[in-house]
Amino acid sequence: MPAAESGAMLARKMIVGGKTCLHGIAAASLAAAVALSCGVARAEPATDPAKVPLPKPAPNCERAKFRVVLDVGHTADDTGAVSARGFGEYGFNLRLAKQVDKALIDAGFDKTVLLVTGGPGKRSLYARMARVNKMSADLLLSLHHDSVPDKFYEKWEFEGKPHIYNDRFKGYSIFISNRNPEYDASLNFGRMLGGKLRERGLQYTPHYTEAFMGRNRHTLLDAKAGVYQYDTLFVLKRSRMPAALLEAGSIVNRDEELALATPERQRLIGAAVVDAVDTFCAARSRAPTQVTQSAKSVPHPRSSRPRSKPKPKPKAEVATAPFLGWYLPSAYQAKQQ
């Protein structure tokens, strides 16, 4: 990649040579994930995606006009969590995002944009969101894979090398932020996505509600769909459109790592995303106010607090906004050595 493009965000529709971008910035991580997937072809998803029909267009959803931005979590330089077999999270994120992107395009969401970020994670965050907010998008979905806090790691050997794992937790999770200006719409999309994942036999992980998670504990907003509140996640609080972050599953869980590496599981998640996006698009098209009404069962944190005299914010608050909110959670910032 030319130096002028280093660290810049690239979108599928903006790169005629998109393959060059994907191969250039993620060759190592992607190759590792592909190798892992090929070696575990026997891993079966919860539901056979071939038996899950593509959803018919929902009434009033103009798919060709609805823009979804798929944000590939992390970068080739900052790969995020490390899986039980030593592969970077970024490779998993990229492969899943490509499957979801294909599913959306095939379903008629022609304006879908696949965002790939280069460079160190922290440095790229502001540039990432500046690019997203200029796209006039209707929805942002950031794709990640989960891990656990360091204190829960156990040791094992794979192919003669030491690795860390945790088989105690598994399942997806969906996060939204109450700092997003479209909080109610974000919550509704999160519920829709969680519901479509459940319909396909996937379950969310409930461990984020437990006290032992400490500072990584989060409020569960929907106990059926697996939607949590995580206010400081950078891409969620900085986006100007409805936004959600999907942790597709735990790559430190040895069995789930294998399942998440398969195209079958990725296509299953892609079908769920298409279904959820279609339902969300239709609801927004009919009457934007209807999208927020179902959120009344879980009051917005701001509106549920007793009214009191507003306190002036410290002048330095914006300037010192923590970067750790981007990672899920901050303890997961394991990097490959």
C-alpha atoms as a PDB file:
ATOM      1  CA  MET A   1       0.000   0.000   0.000  1.00  0.00           C
ATOM      2  CA  PRO A   2       1.413   3.468  -0.849  1.00  0.00           C
ATOM      3  CA  ALA A   3       2.642   5.469   2.117  1.00  0.00           C
ATOM      4  CA  ALA A   4      -0.032   8.116   1.528  1.00  0.00           C
ATOM      5  CA  GLU A   5      -2.696   5.503   2.130  1.00  0.00           C
ATOM      6  CA  SER A   6      -1.102   3.940   5.182  1.00  0.00           C
ATOM      7  CA  GLY A   7      -3.441   4.066   8.165  1.00  0.00           C
ATOM      8  CA  ALA A   8      -6.324   5.395   6.076  1.00  0.00           C
ATOM      9  CA  MET A   9      -9.725   3.723   6.039  1.00  0.00           C
ATOM     10  CA  LEU A  10     -10.656   1.997   2.832  1.00  0.00           C
ATOM     11  CA  ALA A  11     -14.130   0.989   1.720  1.00  0.00           C
ATOM     12  CA  ARG A  12     -15.095  -1.818  -0.601  1.00  0.00           C
ATOM     13  CA  LYS A  13     -16.983   0.493  -2.946  1.00  0.00           C
ATOM     14  CA  MET A  14     -14.158   3.015  -2.909  1.00  0.00           C
ATOM     15  CA  ILE A  15     -11.443   0.602  -3.904  1.00  0.00           C
ATOM     16  CA  VAL A  16     -11.557  -0.792  -7.380  1.00  0.00           C
ATOM     17  CA  GLY A  17      -8.576  -2.885  -6.350  1.00  0.00           C
ATOM     18  CA  GLY A  18     -10.245  -3.973  -3.139  1.00  0.00           C
ATOM     19  CA  LYS A  19      -8.440  -7.314  -3.222  1.00  0.00           C
ATOM     20  CA  THR A  20      -5.126  -5.522  -3.076  1.00  0.00           C
ATOM     21  CA  CYS A  21      -6.257  -3.678   0.045  1.00  0.00           C
ATOM     22  CA  LEU A  22      -7.507  -6.761   1.835  1.00  0.00           C
ATOM     23  CA  HIS A  23      -4.516  -8.867   0.957  1.00  0.00           C
ATOM     24  CA  GLY A  24      -2.045  -6.088   1.641  1.00  0.00           C
ATOM     25  CA  ILE A  25      -3.060  -5.099   5.134  1.00  0.00           C
ATOM     26  CA  ALA A  26      -4.156  -8.425   6.501  1.00  0.00           C
ATOM     27  CA  ALA A  27      -2.099 -11.069   4.750  1.00  0.00           C
ATOM     28  CA  ALA A  28      -0.600 -12.611   7.866  1.00  0.00           C
ATOM     29  CA  SER A  29      -3.715 -12.653  10.036  1.00  0.00           C
ATOM     30  CA  LEU A  30      -6.012 -13.708   7.220  1.00  0.00           C
ATOM     31  CA  ALA A  31      -3.732 -16.507   6.081  1.00  0.00           C
ATOM     32  CA  ALA A  32      -3.611 -17.809   9.638  1.00  0.00           C
ATOM     33  CA  ALA A  33      -7.387 -17.766   9.941  1.00  0.00           C
ATOM     34  CA  VAL A  34      -7.796 -19.475   6.573  1.00  0.00           C
ATOM     35  CA  ALA A  35      -5.348 -22.181   7.586  1.00  0.00           C
ATOM     36  CA  LEU A  36      -7.231 -22.688  10.819  1.00  0.00           C
ATOM     37  CA  SER A  37     -10.559 -22.921   9.011  1.00  0.00           C
ATOM     38  CA  CYS A  38      -9.251 -25.443   6.490  1.00  0.00           C
ATOM     39  CA  GLY A  39      -7.953 -27.636   9.276  1.00  0.00           C
ATOM     40  CA  VAL A  40     -11.282 -27.801  11.099  1.00  0.00           C
ATOM     41  CA  ALA A  41     -13.791 -28.321   8.316  1.00  0.00           C
ATOM     42  CA  ARG A  42     -15.646 -30.785  10.525  1.00  0.00           C
ATOM     43  CA  ALA A  43     -16.725 -28.088  12.989  1.00  0.00           C
ATOM     44  CA  GLU A  44     -20.491 -27.707  12.642  1.00  0.00           C
ATOM     45  CA  PRO A  45     -22.497 -24.494  13.127  1.00  0.00           C
ATOM     46  CA  ALA A  46     -25.538 -24.464  15.387  1.00  0.00           C
ATOM     47  CA  THR A  47     -27.813 -24.416  12.344  1.00  0.00           C
ATOM     48  CA  ASP A  48     -27.181 -25.397   8.742  1.00  0.00           C
ATOM     49  CA  PRO A  49     -27.101 -22.078   6.829  1.00  0.00           C
ATOM     50  CA  ALA A  50     -28.236 -23.884   3.680  1.00  0.00           C
ATOM     51  CA  LYS A  51     -31.540 -24.509   5.425  1.00  0.00           C
ATOM     52  CA  VAL A  52     -31.993 -20.846   6.367  1.00  0.00           C
ATOM     53  CA  PRO A  53     -33.698 -19.080   3.433  1.00  0.00           C
ATOM     54  CA  LEU A  54     -32.734 -15.524   2.570  1.00  0.00           C
ATOM     55  CA  PRO A  55     -35.365 -13.158   3.962  1.00  0.00           C
ATOM     56  CA  LYS A  56     -37.841 -11.640   1.538  1.00  0.00           C
ATOM     57  CA  PRO A  57     -37.713  -7.838   1.314  1.00  0.00           C
ATOM     58  CA  ALA A  58     -39.620  -6.314   4.211  1.00  0.00           C
ATOM     59  CA  PRO A  59     -42.453  -3.937   3.267  1.00  0.00           C
ATOM     60  CA  ASN A  60     -41.285  -0.350   2.804  1.00  0.00           C
ATOM     61  CA  CYS A  61     -37.567  -1.163   2.927  1.00  0.00           C
ATOM     62  CA  GLU A  62     -35.775   0.275  -0.080  1.00  0.00           C
ATOM     63  CA  ARG A  63     -32.737  -1.946   0.109  1.00  0.00           C
ATOM     64  CA  ALA A  64     -30.890  -0.245  -2.732  1.00  0.00           C
ATOM     65  CA  LYS A  65     -30.979   3.088  -0.884  1.00  0.00           C
ATOM     66  CA  PHE A  66     -30.202   1.875   2.629  1.00  0.00           C
ATOM     67  CA  ARG A  67     -26.515   2.182   3.486  1.00  0.00           C
ATOM     68  CA  VAL A  68     -24.884  -0.120   6.036  1.00  0.00           C
ATOM     69  CA  VAL A  69     -21.266   0.416   7.073  1.00  0.00           C
ATOM     70  CA  LEU A  70     -19.521  -2.778   8.176  1.00  0.00           C
ATOM     71  CA  ASP A  71     -16.573  -1.864  10.363  1.00  0.00           C
ATOM     72  CA  VAL A  72     -13.833  -4.503  10.554  1.00  0.00           C
ATOM     73  CA  GLY A  73     -12.648  -4.421  14.165  1.00  0.00           C
ATOM     74  CA  HIS A  74      -8.943  -3.729  14.805  1.00  0.00           C
ATOM     75  CA  THR A  75      -6.164  -3.629  12.209  1.00  0.00           C
ATOM     76  CA  ALA A  76      -3.378  -5.778  10.818  1.00  0.00           C
ATOM     77  CA  ASP A  77      -0.970  -3.825  13.039  1.00  0.00           C
ATOM     78  CA  ASP A  78      -3.107  -4.105  16.158  1.00  0.00           C
ATOM     79  CA  THR A  79      -4.849  -7.458  15.812  1.00  0.00           C
ATOM     80  CA  GLY A  80      -6.887  -7.361  19.038  1.00  0.00           C
ATOM     81  CA  ALA A  81      -7.405 -10.524  21.060  1.00  0.00           C
ATOM     82  CA  VAL A  82      -5.443 -13.726  20.461  1.00  0.00           C
ATOM     83  CA  SER A  83      -7.322 -16.983  19.935  1.00  0.00           C
ATOM     84  CA  ALA A  84      -6.805 -20.245  21.812  1.00  0.00           C
ATOM     85  CA  ARG A  85      -4.559 -21.458  18.976  1.00  0.00           C
ATOM     86  CA  GLY A  86      -2.624 -18.218  18.672  1.00  0.00           C
ATOM     87  CA  PHE A  87      -4.366 -16.415  15.792  1.00  0.00           C
ATOM     88  CA  GLY A  88      -5.180 -12.696  15.860  1.00  0.00           C
ATOM     89  CA  GLU A  89      -8.752 -11.516  16.197  1.00  0.00           C
ATOM     90  CA  TYR A  90      -8.392  -9.233  13.176  1.00  0.00           C
ATOM     91  CA  GLY A  91      -8.244 -12.175  10.773  1.00  0.00           C
ATOM     92  CA  PHE A  92     -11.513 -13.530  12.170  1.00  0.00           C
ATOM     93  CA  ASN A  93     -13.122 -10.086  11.974  1.00  0.00           C
ATOM     94  CA  LEU A  94     -12.067  -9.560   8.367  1.00  0.00           C
ATOM     95  CA  ARG A  95     -13.305 -12.922   7.121  1.00  0.00           C
ATOM     96  CA  LEU A  96     -16.658 -12.529   8.875  1.00  0.00           C
ATOM     97  CA  ALA A  97     -17.067  -8.981   7.544  1.00  0.00           C
ATOM     98  CA  LYS A  98     -16.449 -10.156   3.983  1.00  0.00           C
ATOM     99  CA  GLN A  99     -19.144 -12.821   4.341  1.00  0.00           C
ATOM    100  CA  VAL A 100     -21.623 -10.339   5.826  1.00  0.00           C
ATOM    101  CA  ASP A 101     -20.800  -7.820   3.106  1.00  0.00           C
ATOM    102  CA  LYS A 102     -21.474 -10.417   0.411  1.00  0.00           C
ATOM    103  CA  ALA A 103     -24.752 -11.438   2.037  1.00  0.00           C
ATOM    104  CA  LEU A 104     -25.970  -7.841   2.163  1.00  0.00           C
ATOM    105  CA  ILE A 105     -24.965  -7.113  -1.435  1.00  0.00           C
ATOM    106  CA  ASP A 106     -26.603 -10.335  -2.646  1.00  0.00           C
ATOM    107  CA  ALA A 107     -29.786  -9.334  -0.806  1.00  0.00           C
ATOM    108  CA  GLY A 108     -29.924  -5.982  -2.622  1.00  0.00           C
ATOM    109  CA  PHE A 109     -28.264  -3.661  -0.112  1.00  0.00           C
ATOM    110  CA  ASP A 110     -26.058  -2.254  -2.862  1.00  0.00           C
ATOM    111  CA  LYS A 111     -24.773   0.740  -0.884  1.00  0.00           C
ATOM    112  CA  THR A 112     -23.140  -1.439   1.786  1.00  0.00           C
ATOM    113  CA  VAL A 113     -19.602  -0.296   2.622  1.00  0.00           C
ATOM    114  CA  LEU A 114     -16.890  -2.553   4.027  1.00  0.00           C
ATOM    115  CA  LEU A 115     -14.448  -0.506   6.106  1.00  0.00           C
ATOM    116  CA  VAL A 116     -10.912  -1.767   6.644  1.00  0.00           C
ATOM    117  CA  THR A 117      -8.531   0.274   8.765  1.00  0.00           C
ATOM    118  CA  GLY A 118      -4.739   0.241   8.604  1.00  0.00           C
ATOM    119  CA  GLY A 119      -2.144   1.357  11.124  1.00  0.00           C
ATOM    120  CA  PRO A 120      -1.974   1.274  14.925  1.00  0.00           C
ATOM    121  CA  GLY A 121      -5.388   0.934  16.530  1.00  0.00           C
ATOM    122  CA  LYS A 122      -5.378   4.058  18.684  1.00  0.00           C
ATOM    123  CA  ARG A 123      -4.057   6.321  15.963  1.00  0.00           C
ATOM    124  CA  SER A 124      -6.685   5.190  13.476  1.00  0.00           C
ATOM    125  CA  LEU A 125      -9.778   5.649  15.646  1.00  0.00           C
ATOM    126  CA  TYR A 126     -10.491   9.317  15.015  1.00  0.00           C
ATOM    127  CA  ALA A 127      -9.761   8.976  11.303  1.00  0.00           C
ATOM    128  CA  ARG A 128     -12.007   5.906  11.170  1.00  0.00           C
ATOM    129  CA  MET A 129     -14.961   7.727  12.659  1.00  0.00           C
ATOM    130  CA  ALA A 130     -14.410  10.859  10.606  1.00  0.00           C
ATOM    131  CA  ARG A 131     -14.662   8.713   7.497  1.00  0.00           C
ATOM    132  CA  VAL A 132     -17.748   6.875   8.743  1.00  0.00           C
ATOM    133  CA  ASN A 133     -19.576  10.075   9.635  1.00  0.00           C
ATOM    134  CA  LYS A 134     -19.082  11.459   6.119  1.00  0.00           C
ATOM    135  CA  MET A 135     -20.747   8.475   4.457  1.00  0.00           C
ATOM    136  CA  SER A 136     -24.372   9.426   5.156  1.00  0.00           C
ATOM    137  CA  ALA A 137     -24.907   5.898   6.450  1.00  0.00           C
ATOM    138  CA  ASP A 138     -28.157   4.581   7.909  1.00  0.00           C
ATOM    139  CA  LEU A 139     -26.498   2.026  10.193  1.00  0.00           C
ATOM    140  CA  LEU A 140     -23.057   1.094  11.516  1.00  0.00           C
ATOM    141  CA  LEU A 141     -22.225  -2.458  12.544  1.00  0.00           C
ATOM    142  CA  SER A 142     -18.777  -3.111  13.993  1.00  0.00           C
ATOM    143  CA  LEU A 143     -17.666  -6.750  13.852  1.00  0.00           C
ATOM    144  CA  HIS A 144     -15.436  -8.329  16.505  1.00  0.00           C
ATOM    145  CA  HIS A 145     -14.648 -11.614  18.237  1.00  0.00           C
ATOM    146  CA  ASP A 146     -14.523 -11.946  22.000  1.00  0.00           C
ATOM    147  CA  SER A 147     -11.993 -12.960  24.644  1.00  0.00           C
ATOM    148  CA  VAL A 148     -11.882 -12.909  28.454  1.00  0.00           C
ATOM    149  CA  PRO A 149     -10.047 -10.857  31.089  1.00  0.00           C
ATOM    150  CA  ASP A 150      -6.513 -12.078  31.727  1.00  0.00           C
ATOM    151  CA  LYS A 151      -7.347 -13.560  35.143  1.00  0.00           C
ATOM    152  CA  PHE A 152      -9.522 -16.230  33.497  1.00  0.00           C
ATOM    153  CA  TYR A 153      -6.875 -17.597  31.144  1.00  0.00           C
ATOM    154  CA  GLU A 154      -5.687 -21.186  31.420  1.00  0.00           C
ATOM    155  CA  LYS A 155      -2.633 -22.710  29.764  1.00  0.00           C
ATOM    156  CA  TRP A 156      -2.421 -25.503  27.202  1.00  0.00           C
ATOM    157  CA  GLU A 157      -0.275 -26.639  24.293  1.00  0.00           C
ATOM    158  CA  PHE A 158      -1.236 -26.675  20.633  1.00  0.00           C
ATOM    159  CA  GLU A 159       1.111 -28.103  18.008  1.00  0.00           C
ATOM    160  CA  GLY A 160       3.911 -28.144  20.577  1.00  0.00           C
ATOM    161  CA  LYS A 161       3.574 -24.461  21.515  1.00  0.00           C
ATOM    162  CA  PRO A 162       2.145 -22.912  24.707  1.00  0.00           C
ATOM    163  CA  HIS A 163      -1.144 -21.030  24.380  1.00  0.00           C
ATOM    164  CA  ILE A 164      -3.865 -19.607  26.594  1.00  0.00           C
ATOM    165  CA  TYR A 165      -7.563 -20.430  26.509  1.00  0.00           C
ATOM    166  CA  ASN A 166     -10.817 -20.343  28.451  1.00  0.00           C
ATOM    167  CA  ASP A 167     -13.621 -22.805  27.713  1.00  0.00           C
ATOM    168  CA  ARG A 168     -15.880 -21.473  30.434  1.00  0.00           C
ATOM    169  CA  PHE A 169     -17.582 -18.779  28.362  1.00  0.00           C
ATOM    170  CA  LYS A 170     -19.000 -18.882  24.851  1.00  0.00           C
ATOM    171  CA  GLY A 171     -21.615 -17.135  22.752  1.00  0.00           C
ATOM    172  CA  TYR A 172     -22.165 -13.809  21.026  1.00  0.00           C
ATOM    173  CA  SER A 173     -22.865 -10.420  22.591  1.00  0.00           C
ATOM    174  CA  ILE A 174     -24.188  -7.133  21.206  1.00  0.00           C
ATOM    175  CA  PHE A 175     -23.219  -3.731  22.572  1.00  0.00           C
ATOM    176  CA  ILE A 176     -24.697  -0.256  22.211  1.00  0.00           C
ATOM    177  CA  SER A 177     -23.791   3.089  23.798  1.00  0.00           C
ATOM    178  CA  ASN A 178     -26.098   5.622  25.428  1.00  0.00           C
ATOM    179  CA  ARG A 179     -23.733   8.318  24.152  1.00  0.00           C
ATOM    180  CA  ASN A 180     -24.807   7.572  20.612  1.00  0.00           C
ATOM    181  CA  PRO A 181     -27.297  10.231  19.398  1.00  0.00           C
ATOM    182  CA  GLU A 182     -29.483   7.417  17.991  1.00  0.00           C
ATOM    183  CA  TYR A 183     -29.599   5.398  21.188  1.00  0.00           C
ATOM    184  CA  ASP A 184     -33.175   4.113  20.837  1.00  0.00           C
ATOM    185  CA  ALA A 185     -32.668   3.088  17.228  1.00  0.00           C
ATOM    186  CA  SER A 186     -29.371   1.397  18.147  1.00  0.00           C
ATOM    187  CA  LEU A 187     -31.132  -0.563  20.878  1.00  0.00           C
ATOM    188  CA  ASN A 188     -33.863  -1.651  18.511  1.00  0.00           C
ATOM    189  CA  PHE A 189     -31.394  -2.852  15.910  1.00  0.00           C
ATOM    190  CA  GLY A 190     -29.450  -4.709  18.597  1.00  0.00           C
ATOM    191  CA  ARG A 191     -32.644  -6.467  19.651  1.00  0.00           C
ATOM    192  CA  MET A 192     -33.472  -7.361  16.071  1.00  0.00           C
ATOM    193  CA  LEU A 193     -29.992  -8.749  15.438  1.00  0.00           C
ATOM    194  CA  GLY A 194     -29.992 -10.767  18.653  1.00  0.00           C
ATOM    195  CA  GLY A 195     -33.401 -12.175  17.784  1.00  0.00           C
ATOM    196  CA  LYS A 196     -32.269 -13.267  14.318  1.00  0.00           C
ATOM    197  CA  LEU A 197     -29.153 -14.922  15.749  1.00  0.00           C
ATOM    198  CA  ARG A 198     -31.291 -16.823  18.246  1.00  0.00           C
ATOM    199  CA  GLU A 199     -33.625 -17.973  15.480  1.00  0.00           C
ATOM    200  CA  ARG A 200     -30.597 -19.625  13.889  1.00  0.00           C
ATOM    201  CA  GLY A 201     -29.668 -21.526  17.023  1.00  0.00           C
ATOM    202  CA  LEU A 202     -26.993 -19.182  18.440  1.00  0.00           C
ATOM    203  CA  GLN A 203     -26.933 -18.119  22.086  1.00  0.00           C
ATOM    204  CA  TYR A 204     -25.511 -15.025  23.732  1.00  0.00           C
ATOM    205  CA  THR A 205     -23.071 -15.095  26.631  1.00  0.00           C
ATOM    206  CA  PRO A 206     -24.525 -13.883  29.963  1.00  0.00           C
ATOM    207  CA  HIS A 207     -21.250 -13.563  31.855  1.00  0.00           C
ATOM    208  CA  TYR A 208     -20.997  -9.790  31.382  1.00  0.00           C
ATOM    209  CA  THR A 209     -23.675  -9.397  34.067  1.00  0.00           C
ATOM    210  CA  GLU A 210     -21.627 -11.201  36.718  1.00  0.00           C
ATOM    211  CA  ALA A 211     -19.864  -9.373  39.541  1.00  0.00           C
ATOM    212  CA  PHE A 212     -16.607 -11.239  38.885  1.00  0.00           C
ATOM    213  CA  MET A 213     -16.269  -9.265  35.622  1.00  0.00           C
ATOM    214  CA  GLY A 214     -15.390  -6.193  37.677  1.00  0.00           C
ATOM    215  CA  ARG A 215     -14.935  -3.114  35.496  1.00  0.00           C
ATOM    216  CA  ASN A 216     -15.840  -5.212  32.469  1.00  0.00           C
ATOM    217  CA  ARG A 217     -19.325  -5.832  33.845  1.00  0.00           C
ATOM    218  CA  HIS A 218     -22.151  -4.341  31.750  1.00  0.00           C
ATOM    219  CA  THR A 219     -25.885  -3.797  32.045  1.00  0.00           C
ATOM    220  CA  LEU A 220     -27.961  -6.335  30.136  1.00  0.00           C
ATOM    221  CA  LEU A 221     -30.647  -4.373  28.280  1.00  0.00           C
ATOM    222  CA  ASP A 222     -32.399  -7.318  26.664  1.00  0.00           C
ATOM    223  CA  ALA A 223     -32.209 -10.755  28.274  1.00  0.00           C
ATOM    224  CA  LYS A 224     -33.572 -12.512  25.176  1.00  0.00           C
ATOM    225  CA  ALA A 225     -31.475 -10.868  22.490  1.00  0.00           C
ATOM    226  CA  GLY A 226     -28.229 -10.462  24.439  1.00  0.00           C
ATOM    227  CA  VAL A 227     -27.896  -6.679  24.106  1.00  0.00           C
ATOM    228  CA  TYR A 228     -25.589  -4.941  26.578  1.00  0.00           C
ATOM    229  CA  GLN A 229     -24.864  -1.309  27.321  1.00  0.00           C
ATOM    230  CA  TYR A 230     -21.247  -0.214  26.931  1.00  0.00           C
ATOM    231  CA  ASP A 231     -21.170   3.560  26.844  1.00  0.00           C
ATOM    232  CA  THR A 232     -17.486   4.224  26.175  1.00  0.00           C
ATOM    233  CA  LEU A 233     -16.982   2.080  23.081  1.00  0.00           C
ATOM    234  CA  PHE A 234     -15.378   4.559  20.737  1.00  0.00           C
ATOM    235  CA  VAL A 235     -17.041   3.669  17.434  1.00  0.00           C
ATOM    236  CA  LEU A 236     -20.469   3.589  19.065  1.00  0.00           C
ATOM    237  CA  LYS A 237     -20.335   6.846  20.965  1.00  0.00           C
ATOM    238  CA  ARG A 238     -18.663   8.767  18.116  1.00  0.00           C
ATOM    239  CA  SER A 239     -20.920   7.648  15.269  1.00  0.00           C
ATOM    240  CA  ARG A 240     -23.767   9.908  14.183  1.00  0.00           C
ATOM    241  CA  MET A 241     -26.013   7.083  13.033  1.00  0.00           C
ATOM    242  CA  PRO A 242     -27.527   4.063  14.824  1.00  0.00           C
ATOM    243  CA  ALA A 243     -24.637   1.782  15.752  1.00  0.00           C
ATOM    244  CA  ALA A 244     -24.005  -1.590  17.357  1.00  0.00           C
ATOM    245  CA  LEU A 245     -20.970  -3.763  17.985  1.00  0.00           C
ATOM    246  CA  LEU A 246     -21.256  -7.519  17.556  1.00  0.00           C
ATOM    247  CA  GLU A 247     -18.902  -9.876  19.325  1.00  0.00           C
ATOM    248  CA  ALA A 248     -19.571 -12.947  17.170  1.00  0.00           C
ATOM    249  CA  GLY A 249     -18.291 -15.400  19.784  1.00  0.00           C
ATOM    250  CA  SER A 250     -15.286 -16.235  21.942  1.00  0.00           C
ATOM    251  CA  ILE A 251     -12.107 -17.176  20.080  1.00  0.00           C
ATOM    252  CA  VAL A 252     -10.397 -18.198  23.344  1.00  0.00           C
ATOM    253  CA  ASN A 253     -12.975 -20.934  23.788  1.00  0.00           C
ATOM    254  CA  ARG A 254     -11.340 -23.835  21.937  1.00  0.00           C
ATOM    255  CA  ASP A 255     -14.516 -25.335  20.484  1.00  0.00           C
ATOM    256  CA  GLU A 256     -16.093 -22.018  19.572  1.00  0.00           C
ATOM    257  CA  GLU A 257     -12.873 -20.854  17.939  1.00  0.00           C
ATOM    258  CA  LEU A 258     -13.126 -23.760  15.515  1.00  0.00           C
ATOM    259  CA  ALA A 259     -16.781 -23.067  14.727  1.00  0.00           C
ATOM    260  CA  LEU A 260     -16.184 -19.334  14.205  1.00  0.00           C
ATOM    261  CA  ALA A 261     -13.410 -20.095  11.707  1.00  0.00           C
ATOM    262  CA  THR A 262     -15.772 -21.987   9.382  1.00  0.00           C
ATOM    263  CA  PRO A 263     -17.516 -20.381   6.389  1.00  0.00           C
ATOM    264  CA  GLU A 264     -20.704 -22.127   7.536  1.00  0.00           C
ATOM    265  CA  ARG A 265     -20.839 -20.167  10.798  1.00  0.00           C
ATOM    266  CA  GLN A 266     -19.897 -16.938   9.023  1.00  0.00           C
ATOM    267  CA  ARG A 267     -22.677 -17.400   6.467  1.00  0.00           C
ATOM    268  CA  LEU A 268     -25.098 -18.149   9.291  1.00  0.00           C
ATOM    269  CA  ILE A 269     -24.229 -14.853  10.980  1.00  0.00           C
ATOM    270  CA  GLY A 270     -24.394 -13.078   7.628  1.00  0.00           C
ATOM    271  CA  ALA A 271     -27.947 -14.322   7.049  1.00  0.00           C
ATOM    272  CA  ALA A 272     -28.956 -13.115  10.516  1.00  0.00           C
ATOM    273  CA  VAL A 273     -27.465  -9.668   9.834  1.00  0.00           C
ATOM    274  CA  VAL A 274     -29.328  -9.380   6.510  1.00  0.00           C
ATOM    275  CA  ASP A 275     -32.606 -10.310   8.189  1.00  0.00           C
ATOM    276  CA  ALA A 276     -32.061  -7.828  11.031  1.00  0.00           C
ATOM    277  CA  VAL A 277     -30.977  -5.008   8.712  1.00  0.00           C
ATOM    278  CA  ASP A 278     -34.008  -5.588   6.502  1.00  0.00           C
ATOM    279  CA  THR A 279     -36.403  -5.448   9.457  1.00  0.00           C
ATOM    280  CA  PHE A 280     -34.671  -2.347  10.827  1.00  0.00           C
ATOM    281  CA  CYS A 281     -34.730  -0.656   7.417  1.00  0.00           C
ATOM    282  CA  ALA A 282     -38.462  -1.285   7.055  1.00  0.00           C
ATOM    283  CA  ALA A 283     -39.193   0.076  10.530  1.00  0.00           C
ATOM    284  CA  ARG A 284     -37.182   3.227   9.839  1.00  0.00           C
ATOM    285  CA  SER A 285     -38.877   3.707   6.484  1.00  0.00           C
ATOM    286  CA  ARG A 286     -42.410   3.336   7.845  1.00  0.00           C
ATOM    287  CA  ALA A 287     -42.127   5.781  10.701  1.00  0.00           C
ATOM    288  CA  PRO A 288     -38.880   6.576  12.519  1.00  0.00           C
ATOM    289  CA  THR A 289     -40.847   7.207  15.717  1.00  0.00           C
ATOM    290  CA  GLN A 290     -42.073   3.615  15.769  1.00  0.00           C
ATOM    291  CA  VAL A 291     -38.543   2.329  16.012  1.00  0.00           C
ATOM    292  CA  THR A 292     -38.004   4.001  19.354  1.00  0.00           C
ATOM    293  CA  GLN A 293     -41.320   3.105  20.990  1.00  0.00           C
ATOM    294  CA  SER A 294     -40.384  -0.520  21.696  1.00  0.00           C
ATOM    295  CA  ALA A 295     -37.367   0.680  23.649  1.00  0.00           C
ATOM    296  CA  LYS A 296     -39.617   2.042  26.413  1.00  0.00           C
ATOM    297  CA  SER A 297     -39.368  -1.246  28.325  1.00  0.00           C
ATOM    298  CA  VAL A 298     -35.698  -0.399  28.878  1.00  0.00           C
ATOM    299  CA  PRO A 299     -35.602   3.341  29.633  1.00  0.00           C
ATOM    300  CA  HIS A 300     -32.756   5.382  28.257  1.00  0.00           C
ATOM    301  CA  PRO A 301     -30.243   5.761  31.105  1.00  0.00           C
ATOM    302  CA  ARG A 302     -30.371   9.543  30.802  1.00  0.00           C
ATOM    303  CA  SER A 303     -34.150   9.793  30.964  1.00  0.00           C
ATOM    304  CA  SER A 304     -34.421   7.310  33.857  1.00  0.00           C
ATOM    305  CA  ARG A 305     -32.243   9.311  36.210  1.00  0.00           C
ATOM    306  CA  PRO A 306     -33.825  11.837  38.644  1.00  0.00           C
ATOM    307  CA  ARG A 307     -33.582  15.348  37.295  1.00  0.00           C
ATOM    308  CA  SER A 308     -31.035  17.481  39.061  1.00  0.00           C
ATOM    309  CA  LYS A 309     -29.059  20.603  38.439  1.00  0.00           C
ATOM    310  CA  PRO A 310     -26.642  19.932  35.584  1.00  0.00           C
ATOM    311  CA  LYS A 311     -23.011  20.056  36.633  1.00  0.00           C
ATOM    312  CA  PRO A 312     -20.514  21.777  34.350  1.00  0.00           C
ATOM    313  CA  LYS A 313     -18.252  19.328  32.577  1.00  0.00           C
ATOM    314  CA  PRO A 314     -14.492  19.654  33.048  1.00  0.00           C
ATOM    315  CA  LYS A 315     -12.953  21.516  30.135  1.00  0.00           C
ATOM    316  CA  ALA A 316     -10.507  18.701  29.466  1.00  0.00           C
ATOM    317  CA  GLU A 317     -13.155  15.976  29.299  1.00  0.00           C
ATOM    318  CA  VAL A 318     -13.372  15.803  25.532  1.00  0.00           C
ATOM    319  CA  ALA A 319      -9.663  16.092  25.022  1.00  0.00           C
ATOM    320  CA  THR A 320      -8.977  13.233  27.408  1.00  0.00           C
ATOM    321  CA  ALA A 321     -11.722  10.892  26.223  1.00  0.00           C
ATOM    322  CA  PRO A 322     -10.225   7.414  26.812  1.00  0.00           C
ATOM    323  CA  PHE A 323      -9.279   5.255  23.862  1.00  0.00           C
ATOM    324  CA  LEU A 324      -9.880   2.117  25.890  1.00  0.00           C
ATOM    325  CA  GLY A 325     -13.572   2.318  25.080  1.00  0.00           C
ATOM    326  CA  TRP A 326     -12.812   1.002  21.594  1.00  0.00           C
ATOM    327  CA  TYR A 327     -11.672  -2.362  22.836  1.00  0.00           C
ATOM    328  CA  LEU A 328     -13.989  -4.917  24.343  1.00  0.00           C
ATOM    329  CA  PRO A 329     -13.077  -4.900  27.111  1.00  0.00           C
ATOM    330  CA  SER A 330      -9.817  -3.031  27.675  1.00  0.00           C
ATOM    331  CA  ALA A 331      -8.293  -6.138  29.238  1.00  0.00           C
ATOM    332  CA  TYR A 332      -8.702  -7.887  25.900  1.00  0.00           C
ATOM    333  CA  GLN A 333      -5.994  -5.820  24.220  1.00  0.00           C
ATOM    334  CA  ALA A 334      -3.727  -8.835  23.870  1.00  0.00           C
ATOM    335  CA  LYS A 335      -1.333  -8.563  20.956  1.00  0.00           C
ATOM    336  CA  GLN A 336       0.569 -11.237  19.173  1.00  0.00           C
ATOM    337  CA  GLN A 337       4.220 -11.217  20.100  1.00  0.00           C
END
